C-alpha atoms as a PDB file:
ATOM      1  CA  MET A   1       0.000   0.000   0.000  1.00  0.00           C
ATOM      2  CA  ALA A   2       2.856   2.395   0.808  1.00  0.00           C
ATOM      3  CA  LYS A   3       4.319   1.857  -2.653  1.00  0.00           C
ATOM      4  CA  GLN A   4       0.928   2.600  -4.219  1.00  0.00           C
ATOM      5  CA  GLN A   5       0.981   5.934  -2.381  1.00  0.00           C
ATOM      6  CA  GLY A   6       4.375   6.762  -3.898  1.00  0.00           C
ATOM      7  CA  LEU A   7       6.811   5.768  -1.157  1.00  0.00           C
ATOM      8  CA  THR A   8      10.127   4.325  -2.276  1.00  0.00           C
ATOM      9  CA  GLU A   9      11.714   1.200  -0.798  1.00  0.00           C
ATOM     10  CA  GLU A  10      14.203   3.487   0.959  1.00  0.00           C
ATOM     11  CA  GLN A  11      11.440   5.542   2.566  1.00  0.00           C
ATOM     12  CA  ILE A  12       9.590   2.410   3.669  1.00  0.00           C
ATOM     13  CA  GLY A  13      12.816   1.071   5.177  1.00  0.00           C
ATOM     14  CA  GLU A  14      13.283   4.298   7.141  1.00  0.00           C
ATOM     15  CA  LEU A  15       9.856   4.217   8.820  1.00  0.00           C
ATOM     16  CA  SER A  16      11.056   2.144  11.769  1.00  0.00           C
ATOM     17  CA  ILE A  17      13.872   4.646  12.406  1.00  0.00           C
ATOM     18  CA  TYR A  18      11.949   7.749  11.367  1.00  0.00           C
ATOM     19  CA  GLN A  19      13.358   9.931  14.153  1.00  0.00           C
ATOM     20  CA  ASP A  20      16.879   9.629  12.721  1.00  0.00           C
ATOM     21  CA  SER A  21      15.954   9.332   9.047  1.00  0.00           C
ATOM     22  CA  THR A  22      17.859  11.454   6.556  1.00  0.00           C
ATOM     23  CA  ILE A  23      15.521  10.376   3.746  1.00  0.00           C
ATOM     24  CA  LEU A  24      12.197  11.446   5.247  1.00  0.00           C
ATOM     25  CA  THR A  25      11.413  15.149   5.293  1.00  0.00           C
ATOM     26  CA  PRO A  26      10.749  16.924   8.612  1.00  0.00           C
ATOM     27  CA  ARG A  27       7.047  17.006   7.648  1.00  0.00           C
ATOM     28  CA  GLU A  28       7.036  13.257   7.001  1.00  0.00           C
ATOM     29  CA  ARG A  29       8.887  12.557  10.269  1.00  0.00           C
ATOM     30  CA  ALA A  30       6.297  14.634  12.169  1.00  0.00           C
ATOM     31  CA  ALA A  31       3.444  12.696  10.528  1.00  0.00           C
ATOM     32  CA  VAL A  32       5.057   9.344  11.320  1.00  0.00           C
ATOM     33  CA  ARG A  33       5.625  10.432  14.924  1.00  0.00           C
ATOM     34  CA  TYR A  34       1.942  11.385  15.146  1.00  0.00           C
ATOM     35  CA  ALA A  35       0.973   7.961  13.808  1.00  0.00           C
ATOM     36  CA  ASP A  36       3.404   6.252  16.162  1.00  0.00           C
ATOM     37  CA  VAL A  37       1.929   8.031  19.180  1.00  0.00           C
ATOM     38  CA  LEU A  38      -1.706   7.460  18.181  1.00  0.00           C
ATOM     39  CA  ALA A  39      -1.106   3.800  17.343  1.00  0.00           C
ATOM     40  CA  GLY A  40       0.897   3.141  20.501  1.00  0.00           C
ATOM     41  CA  ASP A  41       0.620   4.987  23.777  1.00  0.00           C
ATOM     42  CA  HIS A  42      -1.829   7.704  22.751  1.00  0.00           C
ATOM     43  CA  THR A  43      -1.494   9.297  26.187  1.00  0.00           C
ATOM     44  CA  GLN A  44       1.849  10.593  24.892  1.00  0.00           C
ATOM     45  CA  ALA A  45       0.021  12.984  22.535  1.00  0.00           C
ATOM     46  CA  SER A  46       1.546  16.017  24.227  1.00  0.00           C
ATOM     47  CA  PRO A  47       1.389  19.741  23.558  1.00  0.00           C
ATOM     48  CA  GLU A  48       4.950  19.406  22.223  1.00  0.00           C
ATOM     49  CA  LEU A  49       3.776  16.895  19.618  1.00  0.00           C
ATOM     50  CA  PHE A  50       1.082  19.297  18.432  1.00  0.00           C
ATOM     51  CA  ASP A  51       3.560  22.182  18.406  1.00  0.00           C
ATOM     52  CA  GLU A  52       5.769  20.085  16.119  1.00  0.00           C
ATOM     53  CA  LEU A  53       2.823  19.193  13.907  1.00  0.00           C
ATOM     54  CA  ARG A  54       1.804  22.865  13.614  1.00  0.00           C
ATOM     55  CA  GLN A  55       5.224  23.614  12.136  1.00  0.00           C
ATOM     56  CA  HIS A  56       4.320  21.427   9.144  1.00  0.00           C
ATOM     57  CA  PHE A  57       0.525  21.187   8.999  1.00  0.00           C
ATOM     58  CA  THR A  58      -2.498  23.429   9.374  1.00  0.00           C
ATOM     59  CA  GLU A  59      -4.972  22.706  12.177  1.00  0.00           C
ATOM     60  CA  PRO A  60      -7.469  21.091   9.744  1.00  0.00           C
ATOM     61  CA  GLU A  61      -4.662  18.940   8.305  1.00  0.00           C
ATOM     62  CA  ILE A  62      -3.681  17.783  11.812  1.00  0.00           C
ATOM     63  CA  ILE A  63      -7.289  16.797  12.534  1.00  0.00           C
ATOM     64  CA  ASP A  64      -7.651  15.044   9.160  1.00  0.00           C
ATOM     65  CA  LEU A  65      -4.366  13.196   9.584  1.00  0.00           C
ATOM     66  CA  GLY A  66      -5.326  12.138  13.118  1.00  0.00           C
ATOM     67  CA  PHE A  67      -8.700  10.900  11.918  1.00  0.00           C
ATOM     68  CA  ARG A  68      -7.097   8.861   9.141  1.00  0.00           C
ATOM     69  CA  ILE A  69      -4.453   7.420  11.465  1.00  0.00           C
ATOM     70  CA  THR A  70      -6.998   6.349  14.076  1.00  0.00           C
ATOM     71  CA  ALA A  71      -9.338   4.921  11.427  1.00  0.00           C
ATOM     72  CA  PHE A  72      -6.549   2.712  10.067  1.00  0.00           C
ATOM     73  CA  VAL A  73      -5.367   1.747  13.554  1.00  0.00           C
ATOM     74  CA  GLY A  74      -8.928   0.844  14.555  1.00  0.00           C
ATOM     75  CA  TYR A  75      -9.455  -1.109  11.343  1.00  0.00           C
ATOM     76  CA  GLY A  76      -6.243  -3.041  11.935  1.00  0.00           C
ATOM     77  CA  ARG A  77      -7.208  -3.868  15.505  1.00  0.00           C
ATOM     78  CA  PHE A  78     -10.676  -4.984  14.418  1.00  0.00           C
ATOM     79  CA  ILE A  79      -9.248  -7.245  11.691  1.00  0.00           C
ATOM     80  CA  ARG A  80      -6.825  -8.750  14.205  1.00  0.00           C
ATOM     81  CA  ALA A  81      -9.597  -9.298  16.772  1.00  0.00           C
ATOM     82  CA  LEU A  82     -11.568 -11.215  14.156  1.00  0.00           C
ATOM     83  CA  GLY A  83      -8.505 -13.223  13.122  1.00  0.00           C
ATOM     84  CA  LEU A  84      -8.738 -12.023   9.533  1.00  0.00           C
ATOM     85  CA  GLU A  85      -5.131 -11.029   8.979  1.00  0.00           C
ATOM     86  CA  ARG A  86      -3.400 -13.158   6.355  1.00  0.00           C
ATOM     87  CA  GLY A  87      -6.455 -14.942   5.039  1.00  0.00           C
ATOM     88  CA  GLY A  88      -8.116 -15.921   8.291  1.00  0.00           C
ATOM     89  CA  VAL A  89     -11.770 -16.865   8.461  1.00  0.00           C
ATOM     90  CA  CYS A  90     -14.134 -14.624  10.381  1.00  0.00           C
ATOM     91  CA  PRO A  91     -15.332 -16.399  13.534  1.00  0.00           C
ATOM     92  CA  LEU A  92     -18.706 -14.702  13.123  1.00  0.00           C
ATOM     93  CA  SER A  93     -19.445 -16.108   9.670  1.00  0.00           C
ATOM     94  CA  GLU A  94     -20.507 -19.532  10.964  1.00  0.00           C
ATOM     95  CA  THR A  95     -22.585 -18.030  13.773  1.00  0.00           C
ATOM     96  CA  HIS A  96     -24.273 -15.689  11.310  1.00  0.00           C
ATOM     97  CA  THR A  97     -25.014 -18.502   8.870  1.00  0.00           C
ATOM     98  CA  ASN A  98     -26.351 -20.785  11.610  1.00  0.00           C
ATOM     99  CA  GLY A  99     -28.530 -18.005  12.959  1.00  0.00           C
ATOM    100  CA  ALA A 100     -29.947 -17.311   9.506  1.00  0.00           C
ATOM    101  CA  GLU A 101     -30.703 -20.974   8.948  1.00  0.00           C
ATOM    102  CA  GLN A 102     -32.540 -21.236  12.256  1.00  0.00           C
ATOM    103  CA  VAL A 103     -34.736 -18.240  11.447  1.00  0.00           C
ATOM    104  CA  ALA A 104     -35.646 -19.545   7.981  1.00  0.00           C
END
């Protein structure tokens, strides 16, 4: 997905070390830090983080980026809870089918 959005292999490789990256721009490093905080210990979303974000983004962009980050994080957690990562089968599908058969 990152490649489809235009990231190079080098940029993708730098994501895990974004703080020290010389390839990512300061704006990109701020966005990755925001994602890292929201996906991990969101209680670390400090005034300093938002001060850094304001250096690179407008207030509406910060809100939009935060919404997108949390939507993807939530989606990922939901998929994991259902066991659907890497081709898993939804544990609800059998329950849903059985319930539908009983009603019919």
